[in-house]
Amino acid sequence: MKRTSSLLLSIMMLCTSSIYADIKRATAVIHPTKGNTASGVVKFSQEDDGLHITAVIKGLTPGEHGFHVHQFGDCACDDAVCAGGHFNPTNQPHGGPDSSERHVGDFGNLVANEDGVATYERVDTIATLNGSNSIIGRAIIIHAGRDDLHSQPVGNAGARVGSGVVGIAK
């Protein structure tokens, strides 16, 4: 019985890993944290030149807002602190999206216009949808303030005003 269970578990793990071996698209639907109004969608597409990221977020105060991938895909708590810190599997210092050393999850800032709408478009060459830098199942966090791109460990961007989990898209 023990041998059969181990064999079945091995087969299930092999099948699951092959199903998700080459993820091409993902989406995170952003919901506001308690007392905030940030909402929107972040889309990801894995291409030959990197991870294409597009976002439209509404309900922000005008100005810059830190935009990061956080460690855990847990957005169940009121303030999104259950998502943990920035996703940093390579143990790098915090930086901007163009820094030579940075967390995998350091996407920089969204810039909201006077109507509180921010758009973002970028090709990232560090974050991926596959492999050790995969952001699948992790949280996207939108912060109340500007990420200064250098303060350690997370850029001094303030409270979390919106969050969503990165999931595999069709």
N, C-alpha and C. Protein backbone atom coordinates (compact mmCIF):
# COMPACT_ATOMS: atom_id res chain seq x y z
N MET A 1 0.83 -1.19 0.00
CA MET A 1 0.00 0.00 0.00
C MET A 1 0.87 1.25 0.00
N LYS A 2 1.93 1.24 0.83
CA LYS A 2 2.81 2.40 0.91
C LYS A 2 3.50 2.66 -0.43
N ARG A 3 3.93 1.58 -1.10
CA ARG A 3 4.60 1.69 -2.40
C ARG A 3 3.63 2.24 -3.44
N THR A 4 2.38 1.79 -3.43
CA THR A 4 1.37 2.25 -4.37
C THR A 4 1.09 3.74 -4.17
N SER A 5 0.99 4.17 -2.91
CA SER A 5 0.76 5.58 -2.61
C SER A 5 1.91 6.45 -3.10
N SER A 6 3.13 5.98 -2.89
CA SER A 6 4.30 6.74 -3.36
C SER A 6 4.33 6.83 -4.87
N LEU A 7 3.98 5.75 -5.55
CA LEU A 7 3.95 5.74 -7.00
C LEU A 7 2.89 6.70 -7.52
N LEU A 8 1.70 6.66 -6.93
CA LEU A 8 0.63 7.56 -7.34
C LEU A 8 1.01 9.02 -7.11
N LEU A 9 1.63 9.30 -5.99
CA LEU A 9 2.06 10.67 -5.69
C LEU A 9 3.11 11.13 -6.72
N SER A 10 4.04 10.27 -7.06
CA SER A 10 5.06 10.61 -8.06
C SER A 10 4.44 10.89 -9.42
N ILE A 11 3.48 10.08 -9.83
CA ILE A 11 2.80 10.28 -11.11
C ILE A 11 2.03 11.59 -11.10
N MET A 12 1.33 11.88 -10.01
CA MET A 12 0.57 13.14 -9.91
C MET A 12 1.51 14.34 -10.00
N MET A 13 2.65 14.29 -9.33
CA MET A 13 3.59 15.40 -9.35
C MET A 13 4.16 15.59 -10.76
N LEU A 14 4.46 14.51 -11.45
CA LEU A 14 4.99 14.58 -12.81
C LEU A 14 3.94 15.18 -13.74
N CYS A 15 2.71 14.76 -13.64
CA CYS A 15 1.63 15.28 -14.49
C CYS A 15 1.39 16.76 -14.22
N THR A 16 1.36 17.14 -12.95
CA THR A 16 1.14 18.54 -12.60
C THR A 16 2.27 19.42 -13.12
N SER A 17 3.51 18.97 -12.97
CA SER A 17 4.63 19.80 -13.43
C SER A 17 4.63 19.93 -14.94
N SER A 18 4.20 18.91 -15.68
CA SER A 18 4.18 19.02 -17.14
C SER A 18 3.02 19.90 -17.61
N ILE A 19 1.93 19.94 -16.88
CA ILE A 19 0.80 20.80 -17.25
C ILE A 19 1.22 22.27 -17.19
N TYR A 20 1.99 22.64 -16.19
CA TYR A 20 2.37 24.03 -15.99
C TYR A 20 3.83 24.31 -16.35
N ALA A 21 4.41 23.48 -17.22
CA ALA A 21 5.83 23.62 -17.54
C ALA A 21 6.15 24.85 -18.37
N ASP A 22 5.20 25.38 -19.11
CA ASP A 22 5.50 26.51 -19.99
C ASP A 22 4.34 27.50 -19.97
N ILE A 23 4.21 28.21 -18.88
CA ILE A 23 3.14 29.18 -18.72
C ILE A 23 3.46 30.41 -19.56
N LYS A 24 2.50 30.87 -20.33
CA LYS A 24 2.69 32.01 -21.23
C LYS A 24 1.98 33.27 -20.78
N ARG A 25 0.87 33.12 -20.03
CA ARG A 25 0.09 34.30 -19.63
C ARG A 25 -0.39 34.17 -18.19
N ALA A 26 -0.49 35.32 -17.53
CA ALA A 26 -1.00 35.35 -16.15
C ALA A 26 -1.71 36.68 -15.92
N THR A 27 -2.52 36.71 -14.89
CA THR A 27 -3.30 37.91 -14.54
C THR A 27 -3.40 38.03 -13.03
N ALA A 28 -3.38 39.27 -12.56
CA ALA A 28 -3.68 39.56 -11.15
C ALA A 28 -4.78 40.60 -11.12
N VAL A 29 -5.89 40.27 -10.48
CA VAL A 29 -6.98 41.23 -10.29
C VAL A 29 -6.74 41.91 -8.95
N ILE A 30 -6.60 43.23 -9.00
CA ILE A 30 -6.27 44.00 -7.80
C ILE A 30 -7.54 44.45 -7.10
N HIS A 31 -7.58 44.18 -5.80
CA HIS A 31 -8.70 44.60 -4.95
C HIS A 31 -8.16 45.53 -3.87
N PRO A 32 -9.00 46.47 -3.42
CA PRO A 32 -8.52 47.41 -2.39
C PRO A 32 -8.35 46.74 -1.03
N THR A 33 -7.38 47.21 -0.28
CA THR A 33 -7.28 46.82 1.12
C THR A 33 -8.30 47.64 1.89
N LYS A 34 -8.54 47.28 3.14
CA LYS A 34 -9.57 47.94 3.96
C LYS A 34 -9.34 49.45 4.02
N GLY A 35 -10.39 50.21 3.69
CA GLY A 35 -10.36 51.66 3.75
C GLY A 35 -9.78 52.33 2.51
N ASN A 36 -9.43 51.53 1.49
CA ASN A 36 -8.84 52.09 0.27
C ASN A 36 -9.73 51.77 -0.93
N THR A 37 -9.38 52.32 -2.10
CA THR A 37 -10.21 52.14 -3.29
C THR A 37 -9.43 51.64 -4.51
N ALA A 38 -8.18 51.26 -4.34
CA ALA A 38 -7.36 50.81 -5.48
C ALA A 38 -7.91 49.51 -6.05
N SER A 39 -8.10 49.48 -7.37
CA SER A 39 -8.55 48.27 -8.03
C SER A 39 -8.10 48.30 -9.49
N GLY A 40 -8.04 47.13 -10.09
CA GLY A 40 -7.66 47.06 -11.49
C GLY A 40 -7.14 45.69 -11.86
N VAL A 41 -6.39 45.65 -12.96
CA VAL A 41 -5.88 44.39 -13.49
C VAL A 41 -4.43 44.57 -13.93
N VAL A 42 -3.62 43.58 -13.60
CA VAL A 42 -2.25 43.51 -14.08
C VAL A 42 -2.15 42.25 -14.93
N LYS A 43 -1.66 42.40 -16.16
CA LYS A 43 -1.53 41.26 -17.07
C LYS A 43 -0.06 41.01 -17.37
N PHE A 44 0.25 39.72 -17.52
CA PHE A 44 1.62 39.28 -17.79
C PHE A 44 1.62 38.36 -18.99
N SER A 45 2.64 38.53 -19.83
CA SER A 45 2.81 37.67 -20.99
C SER A 45 4.29 37.32 -21.11
N GLN A 46 4.60 36.02 -21.05
CA GLN A 46 6.00 35.59 -21.17
C GLN A 46 6.36 35.51 -22.65
N GLU A 47 7.33 36.33 -23.06
CA GLU A 47 7.77 36.40 -24.45
C GLU A 47 9.27 36.10 -24.51
N ASP A 48 9.82 35.97 -25.70
CA ASP A 48 11.24 35.68 -25.87
C ASP A 48 12.14 36.76 -25.25
N ASP A 49 11.69 38.02 -25.29
CA ASP A 49 12.52 39.12 -24.77
C ASP A 49 12.29 39.43 -23.31
N GLY A 50 11.39 38.70 -22.64
CA GLY A 50 11.15 38.92 -21.22
C GLY A 50 9.68 38.85 -20.88
N LEU A 51 9.37 39.28 -19.67
CA LEU A 51 8.00 39.27 -19.17
C LEU A 51 7.35 40.62 -19.47
N HIS A 52 6.35 40.60 -20.35
CA HIS A 52 5.62 41.82 -20.68
C HIS A 52 4.57 42.05 -19.59
N ILE A 53 4.60 43.25 -19.01
CA ILE A 53 3.70 43.60 -17.91
C ILE A 53 2.88 44.80 -18.33
N THR A 54 1.56 44.71 -18.20
CA THR A 54 0.69 45.85 -18.42
C THR A 54 -0.27 45.93 -17.25
N ALA A 55 -0.54 47.15 -16.82
CA ALA A 55 -1.46 47.34 -15.68
C ALA A 55 -2.30 48.58 -15.89
N VAL A 56 -3.53 48.50 -15.42
CA VAL A 56 -4.41 49.66 -15.30
C VAL A 56 -5.01 49.58 -13.91
N ILE A 57 -4.68 50.57 -13.08
CA ILE A 57 -5.14 50.60 -11.69
C ILE A 57 -5.88 51.92 -11.46
N LYS A 58 -7.06 51.83 -10.85
CA LYS A 58 -7.89 53.00 -10.56
C LYS A 58 -8.02 53.16 -9.05
N GLY A 59 -8.51 54.32 -8.63
CA GLY A 59 -8.77 54.54 -7.21
C GLY A 59 -7.55 54.92 -6.40
N LEU A 60 -6.52 55.43 -7.06
CA LEU A 60 -5.30 55.85 -6.37
C LEU A 60 -5.29 57.36 -6.16
N THR A 61 -4.49 57.83 -5.24
CA THR A 61 -4.26 59.27 -5.14
C THR A 61 -3.30 59.64 -6.27
N PRO A 62 -3.41 60.85 -6.81
CA PRO A 62 -2.49 61.25 -7.87
C PRO A 62 -1.03 61.16 -7.40
N GLY A 63 -0.15 60.72 -8.30
CA GLY A 63 1.26 60.61 -7.98
C GLY A 63 1.77 59.19 -8.09
N GLU A 64 2.96 58.95 -7.52
CA GLU A 64 3.63 57.67 -7.64
C GLU A 64 3.24 56.70 -6.51
N HIS A 65 3.18 55.43 -6.89
CA HIS A 65 2.82 54.36 -5.96
C HIS A 65 3.70 53.15 -6.20
N GLY A 66 4.36 52.66 -5.13
CA GLY A 66 5.18 51.47 -5.25
C GLY A 66 4.37 50.30 -5.80
N PHE A 67 5.04 49.51 -6.64
CA PHE A 67 4.39 48.42 -7.38
C PHE A 67 5.33 47.23 -7.33
N HIS A 68 4.94 46.19 -6.58
CA HIS A 68 5.86 45.08 -6.32
C HIS A 68 5.16 43.72 -6.36
N VAL A 69 5.98 42.69 -6.59
CA VAL A 69 5.55 41.31 -6.37
C VAL A 69 6.00 40.96 -4.97
N HIS A 70 5.07 40.45 -4.16
CA HIS A 70 5.40 40.05 -2.80
C HIS A 70 5.44 38.53 -2.69
N GLN A 71 6.07 38.08 -1.65
CA GLN A 71 6.45 36.69 -1.45
C GLN A 71 5.31 35.68 -1.50
N PHE A 72 4.20 35.98 -0.85
CA PHE A 72 3.12 35.01 -0.72
C PHE A 72 1.88 35.46 -1.47
N GLY A 73 1.15 34.51 -2.03
CA GLY A 73 -0.11 34.81 -2.69
C GLY A 73 -1.26 34.79 -1.72
N ASP A 74 -1.10 35.49 -0.61
CA ASP A 74 -2.11 35.54 0.44
C ASP A 74 -2.54 36.99 0.62
N CYS A 75 -3.73 37.30 0.13
CA CYS A 75 -4.26 38.66 0.24
C CYS A 75 -5.51 38.69 1.11
N ALA A 76 -5.64 37.72 2.00
CA ALA A 76 -6.85 37.56 2.80
C ALA A 76 -6.96 38.52 3.97
N CYS A 77 -5.86 39.08 4.43
CA CYS A 77 -5.95 39.98 5.57
C CYS A 77 -6.28 41.40 5.12
N ASP A 78 -6.86 42.20 6.00
CA ASP A 78 -7.36 43.53 5.67
C ASP A 78 -6.31 44.48 5.10
N ASP A 79 -5.07 44.35 5.53
CA ASP A 79 -4.03 45.30 5.11
C ASP A 79 -3.00 44.67 4.16
N ALA A 80 -3.21 43.45 3.73
CA ALA A 80 -2.35 42.71 2.79
C ALA A 80 -0.95 42.41 3.33
N VAL A 81 -0.72 42.58 4.62
CA VAL A 81 0.61 42.24 5.15
C VAL A 81 0.84 40.73 5.14
N CYS A 82 -0.22 39.95 5.02
CA CYS A 82 -0.08 38.50 4.94
C CYS A 82 0.60 38.06 3.64
N ALA A 83 0.79 38.98 2.69
CA ALA A 83 1.52 38.68 1.45
C ALA A 83 3.03 38.67 1.66
N GLY A 84 3.48 39.02 2.85
CA GLY A 84 4.90 39.01 3.15
C GLY A 84 5.65 40.16 2.51
N GLY A 85 6.97 40.03 2.46
CA GLY A 85 7.82 41.06 1.87
C GLY A 85 7.97 40.87 0.37
N HIS A 86 8.83 41.67 -0.22
CA HIS A 86 9.07 41.57 -1.66
C HIS A 86 9.59 40.18 -2.03
N PHE A 87 9.19 39.70 -3.18
CA PHE A 87 9.68 38.42 -3.68
C PHE A 87 11.15 38.60 -4.07
N ASN A 88 12.04 37.87 -3.37
CA ASN A 88 13.48 38.07 -3.51
C ASN A 88 14.23 36.73 -3.40
N PRO A 89 13.99 35.81 -4.36
CA PRO A 89 14.63 34.50 -4.25
C PRO A 89 16.14 34.52 -4.44
N THR A 90 16.68 35.60 -4.99
CA THR A 90 18.12 35.69 -5.25
C THR A 90 18.86 36.47 -4.17
N ASN A 91 18.14 36.88 -3.12
CA ASN A 91 18.73 37.57 -1.97
C ASN A 91 19.53 38.82 -2.38
N GLN A 92 18.90 39.67 -3.17
CA GLN A 92 19.51 40.92 -3.64
C GLN A 92 18.99 42.09 -2.81
N PRO A 93 19.67 43.23 -2.85
CA PRO A 93 19.13 44.42 -2.19
C PRO A 93 17.97 44.99 -3.00
N HIS A 94 17.14 45.79 -2.35
CA HIS A 94 16.03 46.45 -3.03
C HIS A 94 16.58 47.44 -4.05
N GLY A 95 15.88 47.59 -5.15
CA GLY A 95 16.28 48.55 -6.18
C GLY A 95 15.13 48.86 -7.10
N GLY A 96 15.41 49.60 -8.13
CA GLY A 96 14.42 49.92 -9.15
C GLY A 96 14.37 48.85 -10.21
N PRO A 97 13.39 48.94 -11.11
CA PRO A 97 13.25 47.91 -12.13
C PRO A 97 14.42 47.83 -13.11
N ASP A 98 15.21 48.90 -13.21
CA ASP A 98 16.38 48.90 -14.10
C ASP A 98 17.70 48.74 -13.36
N SER A 99 17.65 48.51 -12.05
CA SER A 99 18.87 48.34 -11.26
C SER A 99 19.54 47.01 -11.59
N SER A 100 20.87 47.00 -11.55
CA SER A 100 21.59 45.75 -11.81
C SER A 100 21.38 44.74 -10.68
N GLU A 101 21.19 45.23 -9.46
CA GLU A 101 20.85 44.38 -8.32
C GLU A 101 19.50 44.83 -7.80
N ARG A 102 18.56 43.89 -7.72
CA ARG A 102 17.21 44.20 -7.25
C ARG A 102 16.48 42.93 -6.90
N HIS A 103 15.39 43.08 -6.17
CA HIS A 103 14.50 41.95 -5.91
C HIS A 103 13.83 41.58 -7.23
N VAL A 104 13.49 40.32 -7.41
CA VAL A 104 12.72 39.91 -8.58
C VAL A 104 11.42 40.71 -8.63
N GLY A 105 10.84 41.00 -7.45
CA GLY A 105 9.56 41.69 -7.37
C GLY A 105 9.61 43.20 -7.44
N ASP A 106 10.77 43.80 -7.70
CA ASP A 106 10.87 45.27 -7.75
C ASP A 106 10.47 45.80 -9.12
N PHE A 107 9.21 46.23 -9.24
CA PHE A 107 8.70 46.77 -10.50
C PHE A 107 8.68 48.30 -10.52
N GLY A 108 9.13 48.95 -9.44
CA GLY A 108 9.20 50.41 -9.45
C GLY A 108 7.92 51.07 -8.98
N ASN A 109 7.44 52.03 -9.77
CA ASN A 109 6.27 52.83 -9.40
C ASN A 109 5.24 52.88 -10.52
N LEU A 110 3.99 52.92 -10.10
CA LEU A 110 2.89 53.30 -10.98
C LEU A 110 2.73 54.80 -10.81
N VAL A 111 2.30 55.51 -11.84
CA VAL A 111 2.06 56.94 -11.72
C VAL A 111 0.59 57.20 -12.03
N ALA A 112 -0.14 57.62 -10.99
CA ALA A 112 -1.58 57.90 -11.15
C ALA A 112 -1.78 59.34 -11.60
N ASN A 113 -2.67 59.52 -12.55
CA ASN A 113 -2.99 60.87 -13.02
C ASN A 113 -3.95 61.56 -12.05
N GLU A 114 -4.42 62.75 -12.42
CA GLU A 114 -5.29 63.54 -11.53
C GLU A 114 -6.62 62.85 -11.25
N ASP A 115 -7.00 61.87 -12.09
CA ASP A 115 -8.22 61.10 -11.86
C ASP A 115 -7.98 59.83 -11.05
N GLY A 116 -6.73 59.62 -10.61
CA GLY A 116 -6.40 58.46 -9.81
C GLY A 116 -6.20 57.18 -10.60
N VAL A 117 -5.96 57.31 -11.92
CA VAL A 117 -5.76 56.15 -12.78
C VAL A 117 -4.29 56.06 -13.17
N ALA A 118 -3.73 54.87 -12.98
CA ALA A 118 -2.33 54.62 -13.35
C ALA A 118 -2.28 53.53 -14.40
N THR A 119 -1.41 53.74 -15.38
CA THR A 119 -1.13 52.69 -16.36
C THR A 119 0.36 52.38 -16.29
N TYR A 120 0.70 51.16 -16.66
CA TYR A 120 2.08 50.70 -16.58
C TYR A 120 2.31 49.74 -17.71
N GLU A 121 3.43 49.88 -18.36
CA GLU A 121 3.81 48.93 -19.40
C GLU A 121 5.32 48.80 -19.40
N ARG A 122 5.79 47.57 -19.36
CA ARG A 122 7.22 47.32 -19.26
C ARG A 122 7.53 45.87 -19.65
N VAL A 123 8.73 45.66 -20.15
CA VAL A 123 9.25 44.32 -20.36
C VAL A 123 10.32 44.11 -19.30
N ASP A 124 10.10 43.11 -18.45
CA ASP A 124 11.03 42.82 -17.36
C ASP A 124 11.85 41.59 -17.73
N THR A 125 13.15 41.67 -17.51
CA THR A 125 14.03 40.55 -17.87
C THR A 125 14.46 39.69 -16.68
N ILE A 126 13.91 39.98 -15.49
CA ILE A 126 14.26 39.20 -14.30
C ILE A 126 13.09 38.34 -13.83
N ALA A 127 11.92 38.94 -13.66
CA ALA A 127 10.73 38.18 -13.26
C ALA A 127 10.27 37.31 -14.44
N THR A 128 9.72 36.15 -14.12
CA THR A 128 9.24 35.22 -15.14
C THR A 128 7.92 34.58 -14.70
N LEU A 129 7.33 33.83 -15.60
CA LEU A 129 6.16 33.02 -15.25
C LEU A 129 6.53 31.56 -15.05
N ASN A 130 7.81 31.22 -15.25
CA ASN A 130 8.29 29.86 -15.15
C ASN A 130 9.64 29.86 -14.44
N GLY A 131 9.99 28.77 -13.81
CA GLY A 131 11.31 28.64 -13.20
C GLY A 131 11.42 29.28 -11.83
N SER A 132 12.66 29.46 -11.38
CA SER A 132 12.90 29.92 -10.01
C SER A 132 12.49 31.37 -9.76
N ASN A 133 12.36 32.18 -10.78
CA ASN A 133 11.91 33.57 -10.63
C ASN A 133 10.45 33.75 -10.99
N SER A 134 9.69 32.65 -11.01
CA SER A 134 8.28 32.70 -11.36
C SER A 134 7.47 33.46 -10.31
N ILE A 135 6.61 34.32 -10.81
CA ILE A 135 5.74 35.10 -9.93
C ILE A 135 4.35 34.47 -9.79
N ILE A 136 4.13 33.33 -10.44
CA ILE A 136 2.84 32.64 -10.35
C ILE A 136 2.54 32.29 -8.89
N GLY A 137 1.32 32.62 -8.45
CA GLY A 137 0.90 32.30 -7.09
C GLY A 137 1.37 33.29 -6.04
N ARG A 138 2.03 34.35 -6.46
CA ARG A 138 2.51 35.38 -5.53
C ARG A 138 1.58 36.58 -5.62
N ALA A 139 1.78 37.56 -4.75
CA ALA A 139 0.88 38.72 -4.70
C ALA A 139 1.50 39.93 -5.39
N ILE A 140 0.64 40.67 -6.08
CA ILE A 140 1.00 42.01 -6.56
C ILE A 140 0.47 42.97 -5.51
N ILE A 141 1.32 43.89 -5.08
CA ILE A 141 0.93 44.88 -4.07
C ILE A 141 1.12 46.27 -4.65
N ILE A 142 0.10 47.11 -4.44
CA ILE A 142 0.17 48.53 -4.79
C ILE A 142 0.27 49.28 -3.46
N HIS A 143 1.26 50.16 -3.36
CA HIS A 143 1.51 50.89 -2.11
C HIS A 143 0.93 52.30 -2.14
N ALA A 144 0.74 52.88 -0.97
CA ALA A 144 0.17 54.22 -0.83
C ALA A 144 1.10 55.30 -1.35
N GLY A 145 2.40 55.09 -1.21
CA GLY A 145 3.37 56.13 -1.59
C GLY A 145 4.38 55.67 -2.61
N ARG A 146 5.28 56.56 -2.90
CA ARG A 146 6.33 56.36 -3.88
C ARG A 146 7.42 55.43 -3.34
N ASP A 147 7.85 54.50 -4.17
CA ASP A 147 9.03 53.68 -3.86
C ASP A 147 10.23 54.53 -4.24
N ASP A 148 11.12 54.79 -3.28
CA ASP A 148 12.31 55.62 -3.56
C ASP A 148 13.40 54.84 -4.30
N LEU A 149 13.18 53.56 -4.51
CA LEU A 149 14.04 52.66 -5.30
C LEU A 149 15.40 52.37 -4.69
N HIS A 150 15.64 52.81 -3.45
CA HIS A 150 16.94 52.50 -2.84
C HIS A 150 16.88 52.19 -1.35
N SER A 151 15.92 52.72 -0.59
CA SER A 151 15.85 52.43 0.84
C SER A 151 15.68 50.93 1.07
N GLN A 152 16.41 50.40 2.04
CA GLN A 152 16.36 48.97 2.34
C GLN A 152 15.45 48.74 3.54
N PRO A 153 14.68 47.69 3.52
CA PRO A 153 14.71 46.62 2.54
C PRO A 153 13.66 46.76 1.43
N VAL A 154 12.74 47.76 1.51
CA VAL A 154 11.61 47.73 0.56
C VAL A 154 11.27 49.07 -0.10
N GLY A 155 12.06 50.09 0.01
CA GLY A 155 11.81 51.32 -0.74
C GLY A 155 10.94 52.37 -0.10
N ASN A 156 10.52 52.15 1.16
CA ASN A 156 9.79 53.18 1.91
C ASN A 156 8.52 53.65 1.21
N ALA A 157 7.76 52.72 0.62
CA ALA A 157 6.57 53.09 -0.15
C ALA A 157 5.28 53.13 0.67
N GLY A 158 5.35 52.78 1.93
CA GLY A 158 4.19 52.93 2.80
C GLY A 158 3.20 51.78 2.75
N ALA A 159 2.00 52.09 3.22
CA ALA A 159 0.94 51.08 3.38
C ALA A 159 0.57 50.43 2.05
N ARG A 160 -0.08 49.31 2.16
CA ARG A 160 -0.55 48.57 0.99
C ARG A 160 -2.00 48.94 0.72
N VAL A 161 -2.27 49.53 -0.44
CA VAL A 161 -3.62 50.00 -0.74
C VAL A 161 -4.39 49.07 -1.67
N GLY A 162 -3.69 48.15 -2.32
CA GLY A 162 -4.34 47.19 -3.20
C GLY A 162 -3.49 45.94 -3.33
N SER A 163 -4.18 44.81 -3.58
CA SER A 163 -3.45 43.54 -3.71
C SER A 163 -4.22 42.57 -4.58
N GLY A 164 -3.48 41.65 -5.17
CA GLY A 164 -4.09 40.60 -5.96
C GLY A 164 -3.09 39.48 -6.18
N VAL A 165 -3.58 38.28 -6.39
CA VAL A 165 -2.72 37.11 -6.58
C VAL A 165 -2.53 36.86 -8.08
N VAL A 166 -1.28 36.57 -8.47
CA VAL A 166 -0.96 36.28 -9.87
C VAL A 166 -1.39 34.86 -10.16
N GLY A 167 -2.31 34.72 -11.10
CA GLY A 167 -2.80 33.40 -11.49
C GLY A 167 -2.59 33.13 -12.95
N ILE A 168 -2.53 31.87 -13.32
CA ILE A 168 -2.35 31.46 -14.71
C ILE A 168 -3.57 31.88 -15.51
N ALA A 169 -3.33 32.49 -16.67
CA ALA A 169 -4.41 32.94 -17.53
C ALA A 169 -4.53 32.04 -18.76
N LYS A 170 -5.68 32.05 -19.36
CA LYS A 170 -5.96 31.26 -20.56
C LYS A 170 -5.16 31.79 -21.73
